[in-house]
């Protein structure tokens, strides 16, 4: 029989061992950048874009050059990442589909749930779940406040107040998101921007020690519209230096009707009629550079703080973005420009700095990967795959195709060399990325490639849950 004193000592010993195990677990700096497409410098997809801090981060970690969102829209992508479930498994396809109220997801264990239950302090600031600035009520968005121990700006808000010009829209029309799809330089300092306030809060979290390992989620809103950004960032991208890569004028001619319906041609017609394409791109890439400076501040705070030696860094974007490519603007489509995202993991324990991994991966893989890297047991419902094997062996060939979904039964499969799109009506697109990285030539009608289509079609989701009757935002 163990005496009370001995039992008490054993309890204290086990408690101290548990605390020691927790303290050895890595912290995680989890950076989400909204609407950031694959033009970042380290992916080398577009000339003239300035993202030096993210480029430096890429040199420190593992870059997944073929990373893809599970849906090309804020809510469907982010809810998929946090729940670990495909949009086709949940029925969450649109921004208005509130995952907290849907039977498929309302009780599911999410990523912060797993971390919090595993002994992590979870803290979040800025846009991690879906939210936007079109109206004040949307600053909360589809926020799940329960699994977070710390937060900014408050428990029930994701976004701090937006900075606005005195009168807007400045350069566009009320036709587009009531005028908030707009761009303009602002005569303000960085500190006045909502993102800068989020980053200031995060810097404070990174400057102190914590009793538990820290999972710090930081959502940077730019380059999401409106592209209202301090003047200095526009100055870095003068109009006479803006470049558009060449595209065939008949690029849409070989698309099926379902593909053409996804093109926001009225937006591009308006932009072209006003001769504003270069101006709009200037606004977008100015906001990219501003977001990069915010990332740089986070990295500097981590480097100068007490958590520097035991922190994993993850940087990702929720989806890509078109700036007139394929006559299209924004997202909500299934091509490379809309689905390929910047994605970096820095974990000195796993992988070699500066390594580039070309195997296709999904943002759906983040949940099981973080669980693995943090020594936590992942829940059984997850539909992504842990990327730990690729971090440890970047040459590993997975023979995998990853899925992106835009609406019910509209899917793209991206393998190492191919993109295959099948729409709900059965129509198709097929692109060979070895010879056509810009996806100008649809090969789906060429019988020579029927075997490729059959192989990629075998990877399509078998389950396609219908969306709720209402809820597009």
Protein backbone atom coordinates (compact mmCIF):
# COMPACT_ATOMS: atom_id res chain seq x y z
CA UNK A 1 0.00 0.00 0.00
CA UNK A 2 1.23 3.46 -0.86
CA UNK A 3 1.17 5.90 2.01
CA UNK A 4 -0.48 9.30 1.61
CA UNK A 5 2.89 11.07 1.56
CA UNK A 6 4.29 8.71 -1.05
CA UNK A 7 1.11 8.95 -3.11
CA UNK A 8 1.29 12.74 -2.89
CA UNK A 9 4.89 12.66 -4.06
CA UNK A 10 3.95 10.40 -6.96
CA UNK A 11 1.13 12.72 -7.97
CA UNK A 12 3.52 15.67 -7.89
CA UNK A 13 6.07 13.68 -9.89
CA UNK A 14 3.53 12.72 -12.57
CA UNK A 15 2.29 16.29 -12.69
CA UNK A 16 5.81 17.64 -13.11
CA UNK A 17 6.54 15.05 -15.83
CA UNK A 18 3.34 16.06 -17.60
CA UNK A 19 4.31 19.73 -17.44
CA UNK A 20 7.78 18.89 -18.69
CA UNK A 21 6.33 16.98 -21.65
CA UNK A 22 4.08 19.93 -22.43
CA UNK A 23 6.96 22.39 -22.25
CA UNK A 24 8.92 20.28 -24.75
CA UNK A 25 6.11 20.41 -27.26
CA UNK A 26 6.67 22.98 -29.99
CA UNK A 27 4.81 26.23 -30.14
CA UNK A 28 3.06 26.98 -33.43
CA UNK A 29 2.87 30.33 -35.21
CA UNK A 30 0.01 29.81 -37.67
CA UNK A 31 -0.22 32.61 -40.25
CA UNK A 32 -3.19 32.84 -42.62
CA UNK A 33 -3.00 35.46 -45.39
CA UNK A 34 -6.32 36.18 -47.08
CA UNK A 35 -6.69 36.01 -50.90
CA UNK A 36 -2.92 35.67 -51.39
CA UNK A 37 -2.33 34.12 -54.80
CA UNK A 38 0.76 32.32 -56.08
CA UNK A 39 2.53 35.48 -57.27
CA UNK A 40 4.62 35.63 -54.09
CA UNK A 41 8.30 36.00 -54.86
CA UNK A 42 9.38 32.58 -53.63
CA UNK A 43 7.07 30.82 -56.12
CA UNK A 44 8.38 32.93 -59.03
CA UNK A 45 5.11 33.00 -60.97
CA UNK A 46 4.85 36.71 -61.77
CA UNK A 47 7.41 39.49 -62.25
CA UNK A 48 7.64 42.57 -60.08
CA UNK A 49 5.87 41.35 -56.94
CA UNK A 50 7.68 42.26 -53.72
CA UNK A 51 7.34 39.82 -50.80
CA UNK A 52 10.86 39.76 -49.26
CA UNK A 53 9.82 38.59 -45.79
CA UNK A 54 7.85 35.62 -47.05
CA UNK A 55 10.70 34.87 -49.45
CA UNK A 56 13.09 34.78 -46.50
CA UNK A 57 10.71 32.51 -44.59
CA UNK A 58 10.70 30.16 -47.58
CA UNK A 59 14.48 29.90 -47.32
CA UNK A 60 14.14 28.84 -43.69
CA UNK A 61 11.58 26.11 -44.23
CA UNK A 62 9.89 23.68 -46.60
CA UNK A 63 7.95 25.19 -49.51
CA UNK A 64 5.10 23.20 -51.04
CA UNK A 65 5.05 24.52 -54.61
CA UNK A 66 1.94 22.53 -55.55
CA UNK A 67 -0.34 23.27 -52.60
CA UNK A 68 -4.06 23.64 -53.26
CA UNK A 69 -7.12 24.85 -51.40
CA UNK A 70 -10.02 22.46 -50.92
CA UNK A 71 -12.37 25.21 -52.13
CA UNK A 72 -11.70 28.55 -53.89
CA UNK A 73 -13.72 30.65 -51.47
CA UNK A 74 -13.04 31.95 -47.96
CA UNK A 75 -15.64 30.06 -45.94
CA UNK A 76 -15.56 26.72 -47.73
CA UNK A 77 -11.75 26.66 -47.64
CA UNK A 78 -11.35 27.74 -44.02
CA UNK A 79 -14.14 25.57 -42.60
CA UNK A 80 -12.62 22.61 -44.46
CA UNK A 81 -9.18 23.31 -42.99
CA UNK A 82 -10.44 23.70 -39.42
CA UNK A 83 -12.83 20.73 -39.48
CA UNK A 84 -10.59 18.48 -41.56
CA UNK A 85 -13.47 17.64 -43.90
CA UNK A 86 -13.96 18.20 -47.64
CA UNK A 87 -16.66 20.62 -48.77
CA UNK A 88 -18.30 17.71 -50.56
CA UNK A 89 -18.53 15.87 -47.22
CA UNK A 90 -20.10 18.80 -45.37
CA UNK A 91 -22.21 20.67 -47.94
CA UNK A 92 -20.32 23.90 -47.18
CA UNK A 93 -19.73 25.49 -50.57
CA UNK A 94 -20.59 29.19 -50.17
CA UNK A 95 -19.61 31.97 -47.80
CA UNK A 96 -23.08 32.05 -46.30
CA UNK A 97 -23.07 28.37 -45.30
CA UNK A 98 -22.51 28.67 -41.55
CA UNK A 99 -20.59 25.55 -40.53
CA UNK A 100 -21.46 26.08 -36.85
CA UNK A 101 -25.14 25.44 -37.63
CA UNK A 102 -24.88 22.54 -40.09
CA UNK A 103 -25.52 18.98 -38.97
CA UNK A 104 -22.39 17.74 -40.76
CA UNK A 105 -20.02 20.02 -38.82
CA UNK A 106 -21.64 21.70 -35.83
CA UNK A 107 -20.37 19.06 -33.37
CA UNK A 108 -17.15 18.07 -35.14
CA UNK A 109 -13.80 18.30 -33.33
CA UNK A 110 -11.85 21.13 -34.95
CA UNK A 111 -8.13 21.87 -35.09
CA UNK A 112 -8.15 24.29 -32.12
CA UNK A 113 -10.28 21.78 -30.19
CA UNK A 114 -7.61 19.13 -30.66
CA UNK A 115 -4.82 21.51 -29.68
CA UNK A 116 -6.62 22.85 -26.63
CA UNK A 117 -7.51 19.34 -25.42
CA UNK A 118 -3.87 18.35 -25.97
CA UNK A 119 -2.60 20.93 -23.52
CA UNK A 120 -2.00 23.92 -25.79
CA UNK A 121 -2.85 27.51 -25.08
CA UNK A 122 -4.82 28.55 -28.15
CA UNK A 123 -4.88 32.22 -29.12
CA UNK A 124 -6.22 33.85 -32.26
CA UNK A 125 -6.33 37.29 -33.84
CA UNK A 126 -7.67 38.46 -37.19
CA UNK A 127 -9.42 36.45 -39.87
CA UNK A 128 -8.99 32.72 -39.40
CA UNK A 129 -12.56 31.62 -40.05
CA UNK A 130 -14.66 33.40 -42.66
CA UNK A 131 -15.35 37.08 -42.03
CA UNK A 132 -15.32 40.24 -44.13
CA UNK A 133 -15.82 44.00 -43.96
CA UNK A 134 -18.81 44.48 -46.25
CA UNK A 135 -20.96 45.19 -43.21
CA UNK A 136 -20.31 45.50 -39.50
CA UNK A 137 -22.08 42.24 -38.61
CA UNK A 138 -19.62 40.31 -40.81
CA UNK A 139 -16.65 41.31 -38.63
CA UNK A 140 -17.59 38.34 -36.45
CA UNK A 141 -18.07 35.95 -39.35
CA UNK A 142 -18.47 32.23 -38.77
CA UNK A 143 -16.34 32.36 -35.64
CA UNK A 144 -16.22 29.51 -33.15
CA UNK A 145 -15.06 31.22 -29.94
CA UNK A 146 -15.12 28.14 -27.69
CA UNK A 147 -11.71 26.51 -28.32
CA UNK A 148 -9.70 29.72 -27.95
CA UNK A 149 -8.04 30.84 -24.71
CA UNK A 150 -6.91 34.21 -26.07
CA UNK A 151 -8.24 36.45 -28.82
CA UNK A 152 -8.12 39.80 -30.58
CA UNK A 153 -9.98 42.09 -31.04
CA UNK A 154 -12.47 40.27 -28.77
CA UNK A 155 -13.96 36.88 -28.04
CA UNK A 156 -16.78 37.42 -30.52
CA UNK A 157 -15.00 39.42 -33.24
CA UNK A 158 -12.35 38.44 -35.75
CA UNK A 159 -11.66 41.79 -37.42
CA UNK A 160 -10.87 45.19 -35.95
CA UNK A 161 -12.50 48.22 -37.65
CA UNK A 162 -11.67 48.79 -41.31
CA UNK A 163 -9.75 51.87 -42.45
CA UNK A 164 -11.74 53.69 -45.15
CA UNK A 165 -11.23 56.62 -47.53
CA UNK A 166 -13.46 59.60 -46.82
CA UNK A 167 -15.64 58.62 -49.76
CA UNK A 168 -15.75 55.31 -51.60
CA UNK A 169 -15.63 53.60 -53.98
CA UNK A 170 -12.63 55.58 -55.15
CA UNK A 171 -11.92 53.78 -58.41
CA UNK A 172 -14.68 51.23 -59.02
CA UNK A 173 -18.46 51.04 -58.83
CA UNK A 174 -21.20 50.21 -56.36
CA UNK A 175 -21.91 47.25 -58.64
CA UNK A 176 -19.01 45.38 -57.05
CA UNK A 177 -19.58 44.37 -53.41
CA UNK A 178 -21.42 47.64 -52.83
CA UNK A 179 -18.25 49.52 -53.72
CA UNK A 180 -15.78 47.71 -51.46
CA UNK A 181 -14.15 45.90 -54.34
CA UNK A 182 -12.00 48.95 -54.77
CA UNK A 183 -8.43 50.23 -54.52
CA UNK A 184 -6.81 53.46 -53.39
CA UNK A 185 -3.69 54.64 -51.57
CA UNK A 186 -4.32 55.98 -48.07
CA UNK A 187 -2.48 58.85 -46.45
CA UNK A 188 -1.96 56.96 -43.18
CA UNK A 189 0.73 55.09 -41.28
CA UNK A 190 0.82 51.29 -41.19
CA UNK A 191 -0.22 51.30 -37.52
CA UNK A 192 -3.69 52.58 -38.41
CA UNK A 193 -4.50 49.52 -40.53
CA UNK A 194 -6.58 46.77 -38.97
CA UNK A 195 -3.95 44.16 -39.85
CA UNK A 196 -1.29 46.17 -38.04
CA UNK A 197 -3.44 46.16 -34.88
CA UNK A 198 -3.80 42.38 -35.11
CA UNK A 199 -0.06 41.99 -35.59
CA UNK A 200 0.70 44.30 -32.63
CA UNK A 201 -1.38 42.01 -30.42
CA UNK A 202 0.40 38.94 -31.81
CA UNK A 203 3.81 40.55 -31.25
CA UNK A 204 2.92 40.94 -27.58
CA UNK A 205 1.98 37.24 -27.37
CA UNK A 206 5.30 36.27 -28.99
CA UNK A 207 7.27 38.47 -26.59
CA UNK A 208 6.34 36.58 -23.44
CA UNK A 209 6.55 33.09 -22.03
CA UNK A 210 3.46 30.95 -21.53
CA UNK A 211 2.67 28.22 -19.02
CA UNK A 212 1.58 25.93 -21.86
CA UNK A 213 2.86 25.45 -25.40
CA UNK A 214 1.32 28.17 -27.56
CA UNK A 215 -0.72 27.82 -30.74
CA UNK A 216 -0.96 31.37 -32.07
CA UNK A 217 -3.26 31.83 -35.07
CA UNK A 218 -2.83 35.17 -36.86
CA UNK A 219 -5.09 36.11 -39.77
CA UNK A 220 -3.86 38.88 -42.08
CA UNK A 221 -6.77 40.33 -44.06
CA UNK A 222 -4.91 41.98 -46.93
CA UNK A 223 -4.72 41.40 -49.87
CA UNK A 224 -8.46 40.78 -49.53
CA UNK A 225 -10.42 43.68 -50.95
CA UNK A 226 -10.73 46.58 -50.50
CA UNK A 227 -7.17 47.33 -51.61
CA UNK A 228 -7.02 50.50 -49.55
CA UNK A 229 -3.41 50.49 -48.42
CA UNK A 230 -0.91 53.15 -47.27
CA UNK A 231 0.55 55.25 -50.09
CA UNK A 232 4.05 53.85 -49.62
CA UNK A 233 2.99 50.44 -50.91
CA UNK A 234 1.52 51.89 -54.09
CA UNK A 235 4.75 53.83 -54.54
CA UNK A 236 6.69 50.54 -54.55
CA UNK A 237 4.66 49.37 -57.55
CA UNK A 238 4.48 52.25 -60.06
CA UNK A 239 1.98 51.80 -62.88
CA UNK A 240 4.64 51.86 -65.58
CA UNK A 241 6.18 48.77 -63.99
CA UNK A 242 3.01 46.68 -63.84
CA UNK A 243 3.27 43.62 -66.09
CA UNK A 244 0.64 41.24 -67.41
CA UNK A 245 1.82 37.91 -68.74
CA UNK A 246 0.67 37.23 -72.32
CA UNK A 247 -2.57 35.31 -72.82
CA UNK A 248 -4.36 34.17 -75.96
CA UNK A 249 -7.43 36.28 -76.80
CA UNK A 250 -9.45 33.10 -77.41
CA UNK A 251 -8.55 31.46 -74.10
CA UNK A 252 -12.21 30.80 -73.21
CA UNK A 253 -13.17 29.26 -76.53
CA UNK A 254 -12.31 25.68 -75.57
CA UNK A 255 -14.09 25.78 -72.20
CA UNK A 256 -17.40 24.03 -71.63
CA UNK A 257 -20.39 26.18 -70.79
CA UNK A 258 -20.11 25.28 -67.08
CA UNK A 259 -16.56 26.65 -67.05
CA UNK A 260 -17.50 29.85 -68.85
CA UNK A 261 -20.30 30.44 -66.35
CA UNK A 262 -17.71 30.70 -63.59
CA UNK A 263 -15.96 33.56 -65.40
CA UNK A 264 -16.82 37.04 -64.10
CA UNK A 265 -16.60 38.49 -67.56
CA UNK A 266 -18.81 41.49 -66.72
CA UNK A 267 -16.21 42.55 -64.15
CA UNK A 268 -13.39 42.30 -66.67
CA UNK A 269 -15.42 44.02 -69.39
CA UNK A 270 -15.96 46.96 -67.03
CA UNK A 271 -12.28 47.06 -66.04
CA UNK A 272 -11.12 46.89 -69.65
CA UNK A 273 -13.62 49.50 -70.79
CA UNK A 274 -12.27 51.88 -68.14
CA UNK A 275 -8.66 50.91 -68.95
CA UNK A 276 -8.10 50.08 -65.27
CA UNK A 277 -6.55 46.62 -65.34
CA UNK A 278 -3.07 47.88 -64.43
CA UNK A 279 -4.51 50.14 -61.73
CA UNK A 280 -6.41 47.24 -60.18
CA UNK A 281 -3.33 45.03 -60.26
CA UNK A 282 -1.34 47.82 -58.62
CA UNK A 283 -3.87 47.87 -55.78
CA UNK A 284 -3.69 44.10 -55.35
CA UNK A 285 0.10 43.73 -55.37
CA UNK A 286 0.48 46.82 -53.15
CA UNK A 287 -1.73 45.00 -50.65
CA UNK A 288 0.38 41.85 -51.10
CA UNK A 289 3.50 43.80 -50.16
CA UNK A 290 1.71 45.32 -47.17
CA UNK A 291 0.71 41.81 -46.02
CA UNK A 292 4.33 40.74 -46.45
CA UNK A 293 5.48 43.53 -44.11
CA UNK A 294 2.97 42.28 -41.53
CA UNK A 295 4.43 38.77 -41.86
CA UNK A 296 7.89 40.25 -41.43
CA UNK A 297 6.85 41.88 -38.17
CA UNK A 298 5.58 38.55 -36.83
CA UNK A 299 8.79 36.77 -37.78
CA UNK A 300 10.92 39.50 -36.19
CA UNK A 301 8.88 39.35 -32.97
CA UNK A 302 9.30 35.58 -32.83
CA UNK A 303 13.04 35.80 -33.51
CA UNK A 304 13.53 38.39 -30.77
CA UNK A 305 11.31 36.69 -28.19
CA UNK A 306 11.58 33.75 -25.81
CA UNK A 307 9.81 31.26 -28.12
CA UNK A 308 12.29 31.45 -31.02
CA UNK A 309 14.02 28.13 -30.40
CA UNK A 310 10.90 25.97 -30.13
CA UNK A 311 8.31 27.26 -32.57
CA UNK A 312 6.97 25.78 -35.79
CA UNK A 313 5.89 28.37 -38.36
CA UNK A 314 3.10 27.66 -40.84
CA UNK A 315 2.12 30.16 -43.54
CA UNK A 316 -0.79 29.57 -45.91
CA UNK A 317 -3.44 31.33 -47.95
CA UNK A 318 -7.05 30.23 -48.19
CA UNK A 319 -7.17 30.26 -52.03
CA UNK A 320 -5.72 31.91 -55.12
CA UNK A 321 -6.94 34.95 -57.00
CA UNK A 322 -7.48 36.01 -60.63
CA UNK A 323 -6.54 39.49 -61.82
CA UNK A 324 -8.13 39.21 -65.26
CA UNK A 325 -6.63 35.83 -66.19
CA UNK A 326 -9.17 33.87 -68.26
CA UNK A 327 -11.23 37.08 -68.34
CA UNK A 328 -11.94 36.37 -64.64
CA UNK A 329 -11.62 38.33 -61.39
CA UNK A 330 -11.46 37.17 -57.79
CA UNK A 331 -11.85 33.46 -56.99
CA UNK A 332 -14.77 30.95 -57.12
CA UNK A 333 -13.37 28.93 -60.06
CA UNK A 334 -11.36 25.73 -60.49
CA UNK A 335 -8.25 26.73 -62.44
CA UNK A 336 -4.65 26.86 -61.24
CA UNK A 337 -4.70 30.60 -60.61
CA UNK A 338 -7.67 30.22 -58.26
CA UNK A 339 -6.58 27.09 -56.43
CA UNK A 340 -2.77 27.10 -56.08
CA UNK A 341 -1.73 28.73 -52.79
CA UNK A 342 1.49 29.76 -51.00
CA UNK A 343 2.27 27.22 -48.28
CA UNK A 344 5.37 27.03 -46.06
CA UNK A 345 6.20 24.92 -42.99
CA UNK A 346 9.27 25.75 -40.90
CA UNK A 347 10.15 23.01 -38.43
CA UNK A 348 13.91 22.54 -37.92
CA UNK A 349 13.25 19.11 -36.37
CA UNK A 350 11.74 17.87 -39.64
CA UNK A 351 13.19 18.79 -42.98
CA UNK A 352 15.98 20.87 -44.46
CA UNK A 353 15.79 24.64 -44.79
CA UNK A 354 15.13 25.91 -48.29
CA UNK A 355 13.69 22.65 -49.59
CA UNK A 356 10.97 22.76 -52.25
CA UNK A 357 8.43 19.95 -52.41
CA UNK A 358 6.63 19.53 -55.72
CA UNK A 359 4.21 16.73 -54.80
CA UNK A 360 0.59 17.98 -54.77
CA UNK A 361 -0.79 18.65 -51.29
CA UNK A 362 -3.99 20.13 -49.91
CA UNK A 363 -4.77 22.64 -47.18
CA UNK A 364 -6.92 19.78 -45.87
CA UNK A 365 -3.60 18.20 -44.85
CA UNK A 366 -2.79 20.93 -42.35
CA UNK A 367 -4.92 19.54 -39.52
CA UNK A 368 -3.34 16.05 -39.42
CA UNK A 369 0.12 17.52 -40.06
CA UNK A 370 -0.06 19.93 -37.12
CA UNK A 371 -1.37 17.15 -34.90
CA UNK A 372 1.62 15.02 -35.89
CA UNK A 373 4.17 17.80 -35.43
CA UNK A 374 2.72 18.63 -31.99
CA UNK A 375 2.62 15.01 -30.82
CA UNK A 376 -1.17 14.91 -30.59
CA UNK A 377 -3.60 12.20 -31.64
CA UNK A 378 -5.64 13.32 -34.62
CA UNK A 379 -9.37 12.53 -34.66
CA UNK A 380 -10.52 9.75 -36.96
CA UNK A 381 -12.77 11.91 -39.16
CA UNK A 382 -9.94 13.78 -40.90
CA UNK A 383 -9.89 13.46 -44.69
CA UNK A 384 -6.47 15.00 -45.31
CA UNK A 385 -3.08 13.32 -45.00
CA UNK A 386 -0.23 14.21 -42.68
CA UNK A 387 2.64 15.81 -44.54
CA UNK A 388 5.24 14.63 -42.03
CA UNK A 389 6.50 11.87 -44.40
CA UNK A 390 7.10 14.52 -47.10
CA UNK A 391 8.83 16.84 -44.64
CA UNK A 392 11.19 14.03 -43.74
CA UNK A 393 11.61 12.79 -47.33
CA UNK A 394 10.89 15.54 -49.88
CA UNK A 395 11.72 13.16 -52.76
CA UNK A 396 8.87 10.85 -51.82
CA UNK A 397 6.48 10.30 -54.75
CA UNK A 398 2.93 10.10 -53.48
CA UNK A 399 1.12 9.52 -56.81
CA UNK A 400 -1.61 11.61 -55.33
CA UNK A 401 -4.34 13.82 -56.73
CA UNK A 402 -5.76 16.54 -54.49
CA UNK A 403 -9.31 17.83 -54.80
CA UNK A 404 -10.69 21.37 -55.04
CA UNK A 405 -14.46 21.85 -55.05
CA UNK A 406 -16.51 24.84 -56.19
CA UNK A 407 -20.19 24.16 -55.55
CA UNK A 408 -22.06 20.89 -55.63
CA UNK A 409 -20.37 18.24 -57.82
CA UNK A 410 -17.91 20.69 -59.44
CA UNK A 411 -14.45 19.32 -58.74
CA UNK A 412 -10.84 19.71 -59.89
CA UNK A 413 -8.21 17.02 -59.40
CA UNK A 414 -4.58 18.21 -59.38
CA UNK A 415 -1.89 15.56 -59.75
CA UNK A 416 1.83 16.13 -60.21
CA UNK A 417 1.38 16.83 -63.94
CA UNK A 418 -2.32 17.22 -64.66
CA UNK A 419 -5.37 19.27 -63.78
CA UNK A 420 -8.69 17.58 -64.48
CA UNK A 421 -11.97 19.44 -63.95
CA UNK A 422 -15.37 17.80 -64.03
CA UNK A 423 -18.45 19.96 -63.63
CA UNK A 424 -21.81 18.87 -62.26
CA UNK A 425 -23.21 18.52 -65.79
CA UNK A 426 -20.43 16.06 -66.74
CA UNK A 427 -18.44 18.49 -68.90
CA UNK A 428 -14.67 18.47 -68.51
CA UNK A 429 -11.38 20.29 -68.78
CA UNK A 430 -7.90 18.74 -68.82
CA UNK A 431 -4.54 20.52 -68.73
CA UNK A 432 -1.01 19.15 -69.02
CA UNK A 433 1.13 21.24 -66.67
CA UNK A 434 4.39 19.98 -68.10
CA UNK A 435 3.62 21.73 -71.40
CA UNK A 436 0.86 24.20 -70.48
CA UNK A 437 1.36 25.65 -66.97
CA UNK A 438 -0.98 28.57 -67.73
CA UNK A 439 -3.80 26.20 -68.73
CA UNK A 440 -4.46 27.71 -72.15
CA UNK A 441 -5.28 24.44 -73.97
CA UNK A 442 -8.14 22.21 -72.81
CA UNK A 443 -7.29 18.64 -73.81
CA UNK A 444 -10.49 17.05 -72.51
CA UNK A 445 -11.90 16.56 -76.02
CA UNK A 446 -8.77 14.79 -77.26
CA UNK A 447 -9.36 11.02 -77.14
CA UNK A 448 -5.62 10.44 -76.78
CA UNK A 449 -5.98 11.48 -73.14
CA UNK A 450 -9.09 9.49 -72.20
CA UNK A 451 -7.02 7.16 -70.01
CA UNK A 452 -5.67 10.19 -68.08
CA UNK A 453 -9.20 11.46 -67.50
CA UNK A 454 -10.38 8.03 -66.30
CA UNK A 455 -7.46 7.76 -63.89
CA UNK A 456 -7.99 11.24 -62.43
CA UNK A 457 -11.79 10.83 -62.34
CA UNK A 458 -11.27 7.76 -60.12
CA UNK A 459 -10.03 10.17 -57.42
CA UNK A 460 -13.18 12.30 -57.37
CA UNK A 461 -15.23 12.33 -54.14
CA UNK A 462 -17.96 9.70 -54.05
CA UNK A 463 -19.95 11.66 -51.48
CA UNK A 464 -21.47 15.00 -52.52
CA UNK A 465 -23.61 16.49 -49.76
CA UNK A 466 -26.19 18.97 -50.95
CA UNK A 467 -25.85 22.54 -49.65
CA UNK A 468 -28.47 24.11 -47.39
CA UNK A 469 -31.41 25.65 -49.20
CA UNK A 470 -30.20 29.18 -48.47
CA UNK A 471 -26.97 30.85 -47.55
CA UNK A 472 -24.88 32.38 -50.30
CA UNK A 473 -23.04 35.52 -49.20
